[in-house]
Amino acid sequence: MEIRQGSFSEALEVLRGLPEFDPLLSTDHYVERMANRPQLVVIAIIDGELAGCKVAYDRFEDGTLYSWLGGVIPKFRMSGLAKKMADFQEAWALDNGFDAIRFKTLNRHKAMLTFAINNGFQVYNVKPKDEIENYRIELIKDLK
C-alpha cells in the first residue's frame, strides 16, 4: 500500500471508479474550481493499482482546508485506505498552515458519516434538500 501526493488526472481516474460519483462533471469544472488556490491530491495505490484518492483545496480562505472529493474503489474498501489518506491529508494541512479540515456529504452516505465522526469530525451544519437522504451534512475537524 502506498499513499502519496498525486495528480488530478490520477484522482479523476479513481473518481470514475466510484459509484457515488456517477456521473462526473466535466474535468474543466473541477480544475476551474481549484485554480490558483493551494490544493492537495492524495493518491492511494495497492499492488500498482489506483485504489483511492482525496482532493482538497483552500476553498474558503479562512484557515480551513476543504476536503472536496474522494473515496476508495469498492474492491479496496475496508482495507484502511481511507484512514491512511485522511492521516496524510491532516499532516499536510498542518504543515501548510491550516487549522482545520471541513467537508460535506449527503445524509445517505452513512459509511462516510460514521468514518468522519469516528475520526474526530463534528457536524456543524445541516442543509435540507428535497428528500432527507439528500440533506447535506457539513463536518469539521480542528487540527490544533
Protein backbone atom coordinates (compact mmCIF):
# COMPACT_ATOMS: atom_id res chain seq x y z
CA MET A 1 0.00 0.00 0.00
CA GLU A 2 1.34 3.41 -0.97
CA ILE A 3 -0.09 6.80 -0.02
CA ARG A 4 1.39 9.82 -1.82
CA GLN A 5 0.66 13.16 -3.38
CA GLY A 6 -0.57 12.72 -6.91
CA SER A 7 -2.08 14.45 -9.89
CA PHE A 8 -5.63 15.49 -10.51
CA SER A 9 -5.74 13.21 -13.56
CA GLU A 10 -4.98 10.25 -11.25
CA ALA A 11 -7.75 11.40 -8.92
CA LEU A 12 -10.21 11.59 -11.83
CA GLU A 13 -9.34 8.02 -12.76
CA VAL A 14 -10.21 6.92 -9.23
CA LEU A 15 -13.38 9.02 -9.13
CA ARG A 16 -14.58 7.37 -12.35
CA GLY A 17 -14.49 4.06 -10.45
CA LEU A 18 -16.65 5.28 -7.56
CA PRO A 19 -20.38 4.62 -7.86
CA GLU A 20 -21.09 7.65 -5.64
CA PHE A 21 -19.69 9.97 -8.36
CA ASP A 22 -21.66 8.67 -11.30
CA PRO A 23 -21.87 10.77 -13.39
CA LEU A 24 -18.83 13.00 -13.01
CA LEU A 25 -18.95 16.60 -14.10
CA SER A 26 -16.58 17.89 -16.78
CA THR A 27 -12.87 17.95 -15.96
CA ASP A 28 -12.90 21.72 -16.57
CA HIS A 29 -15.44 22.16 -13.76
CA TYR A 30 -13.09 20.59 -11.23
CA VAL A 31 -9.94 22.28 -12.50
CA GLU A 32 -11.54 25.75 -12.59
CA ARG A 33 -12.88 25.41 -9.05
CA MET A 34 -9.41 24.79 -7.61
CA ALA A 35 -7.48 27.15 -9.89
CA ASN A 36 -4.98 29.46 -8.19
CA ARG A 37 -5.63 28.02 -4.72
CA PRO A 38 -3.43 25.86 -2.51
CA GLN A 39 -4.51 22.28 -3.16
CA LEU A 40 -3.68 18.69 -2.34
CA VAL A 41 -4.35 15.46 -4.21
CA VAL A 42 -3.73 12.31 -2.18
CA ILE A 43 -3.49 9.02 -4.08
CA ALA A 44 -3.62 5.50 -2.66
CA ILE A 45 -2.11 2.60 -4.59
CA ILE A 46 -2.37 -1.12 -3.87
CA ASP A 47 -0.32 -3.60 -5.90
CA GLY A 48 0.35 -0.95 -8.54
CA GLU A 49 -3.35 -0.14 -8.98
CA LEU A 50 -5.02 3.19 -8.18
CA ALA A 51 -7.24 2.40 -5.19
CA GLY A 52 -8.34 5.72 -3.68
CA CYS A 53 -7.98 9.48 -3.64
CA LYS A 54 -8.69 12.63 -1.65
CA VAL A 55 -8.80 16.06 -3.30
CA ALA A 56 -8.70 19.15 -1.09
CA TYR A 57 -8.15 22.88 -1.59
CA ASP A 58 -8.33 26.22 0.16
CA ARG A 59 -11.92 27.00 -0.79
CA PHE A 60 -12.85 29.44 1.97
CA GLU A 61 -9.52 31.18 2.65
CA ASP A 62 -10.27 31.07 6.39
CA GLY A 63 -7.64 28.64 7.64
CA THR A 64 -9.66 25.53 6.84
CA LEU A 65 -8.78 23.01 4.15
CA TYR A 66 -11.86 21.89 2.22
CA SER A 67 -11.74 18.15 1.56
CA TRP A 68 -13.81 18.20 -1.59
CA LEU A 69 -13.70 14.89 -3.46
CA GLY A 70 -12.52 11.43 -2.67
CA GLY A 71 -13.17 7.83 -1.96
CA VAL A 72 -11.91 4.29 -2.22
CA ILE A 73 -12.61 1.97 -5.16
CA PRO A 74 -15.21 -0.57 -3.92
CA LYS A 75 -12.94 -3.63 -4.12
CA PHE A 76 -10.38 -1.88 -1.86
CA ARG A 77 -12.83 -0.68 0.78
CA MET A 78 -12.42 -1.85 4.38
CA SER A 79 -8.64 -2.01 3.89
CA GLY A 80 -7.75 1.04 5.98
CA LEU A 81 -7.04 3.23 2.94
CA ALA A 82 -9.49 5.96 3.88
CA LYS A 83 -7.86 6.41 7.29
CA LYS A 84 -4.34 6.44 5.82
CA MET A 85 -5.34 9.05 3.23
CA ALA A 86 -7.06 11.14 5.89
CA ASP A 87 -3.95 10.99 8.09
CA PHE A 88 -1.80 12.09 5.13
CA GLN A 89 -4.19 14.95 4.39
CA GLU A 90 -4.22 16.11 8.02
CA ALA A 91 -0.41 16.10 8.26
CA TRP A 92 -0.17 18.08 5.00
CA ALA A 93 -2.81 20.56 6.21
CA LEU A 94 -0.93 21.20 9.45
CA ASP A 95 2.39 21.54 7.59
CA ASN A 96 0.77 24.08 5.27
CA GLY A 97 -0.78 26.32 7.91
CA PHE A 98 -4.36 25.06 8.05
CA ASP A 99 -6.15 24.93 11.42
CA ALA A 100 -8.99 22.60 10.44
CA ILE A 101 -10.41 20.39 7.72
CA ARG A 102 -14.01 20.51 6.64
CA PHE A 103 -16.17 18.75 4.12
CA LYS A 104 -19.76 17.95 3.30
CA THR A 105 -21.51 14.74 2.44
CA LEU A 106 -25.04 13.56 1.90
CA ASN A 107 -27.12 12.03 4.66
CA ARG A 108 -27.41 8.82 2.62
CA HIS A 109 -23.65 8.19 2.78
CA LYS A 110 -23.78 6.52 6.20
CA ALA A 111 -20.33 4.92 5.93
CA MET A 112 -18.76 8.33 5.26
CA LEU A 113 -20.59 9.92 8.18
CA THR A 114 -19.55 7.13 10.52
CA PHE A 115 -15.94 7.31 9.31
CA ALA A 116 -15.84 11.08 9.83
CA ILE A 117 -17.33 11.02 13.33
CA ASN A 118 -15.05 8.16 14.37
CA ASN A 119 -12.10 10.25 13.16
CA GLY A 120 -12.84 13.38 15.16
CA PHE A 121 -15.10 15.35 12.83
CA GLN A 122 -18.13 17.17 14.20
CA VAL A 123 -21.33 18.15 12.42
CA TYR A 124 -21.60 21.94 12.24
CA ASN A 125 -24.40 22.40 9.74
CA VAL A 126 -27.23 20.52 8.04
CA LYS A 127 -28.74 21.84 4.81
CA PRO A 128 -32.15 20.40 3.97
CA LYS A 129 -32.73 19.20 0.45
CA ASP A 130 -35.72 17.52 -1.23
CA GLU A 131 -35.53 14.12 0.49
CA ILE A 132 -33.98 13.59 3.92
CA GLU A 133 -31.39 11.20 2.41
CA ASN A 134 -30.15 14.12 0.28
CA TYR A 135 -29.67 16.52 3.19
CA ARG A 136 -26.15 17.93 3.13
CA ILE A 137 -24.21 17.30 6.31
CA GLU A 138 -21.26 19.66 6.87
CA LEU A 139 -18.46 18.48 9.16
CA ILE A 140 -15.27 19.99 10.59
CA LYS A 141 -12.22 18.73 12.44
CA ASP A 142 -9.98 21.05 14.43
CA LEU A 143 -6.32 20.15 13.84
CA LYS A 144 -4.80 22.20 16.65
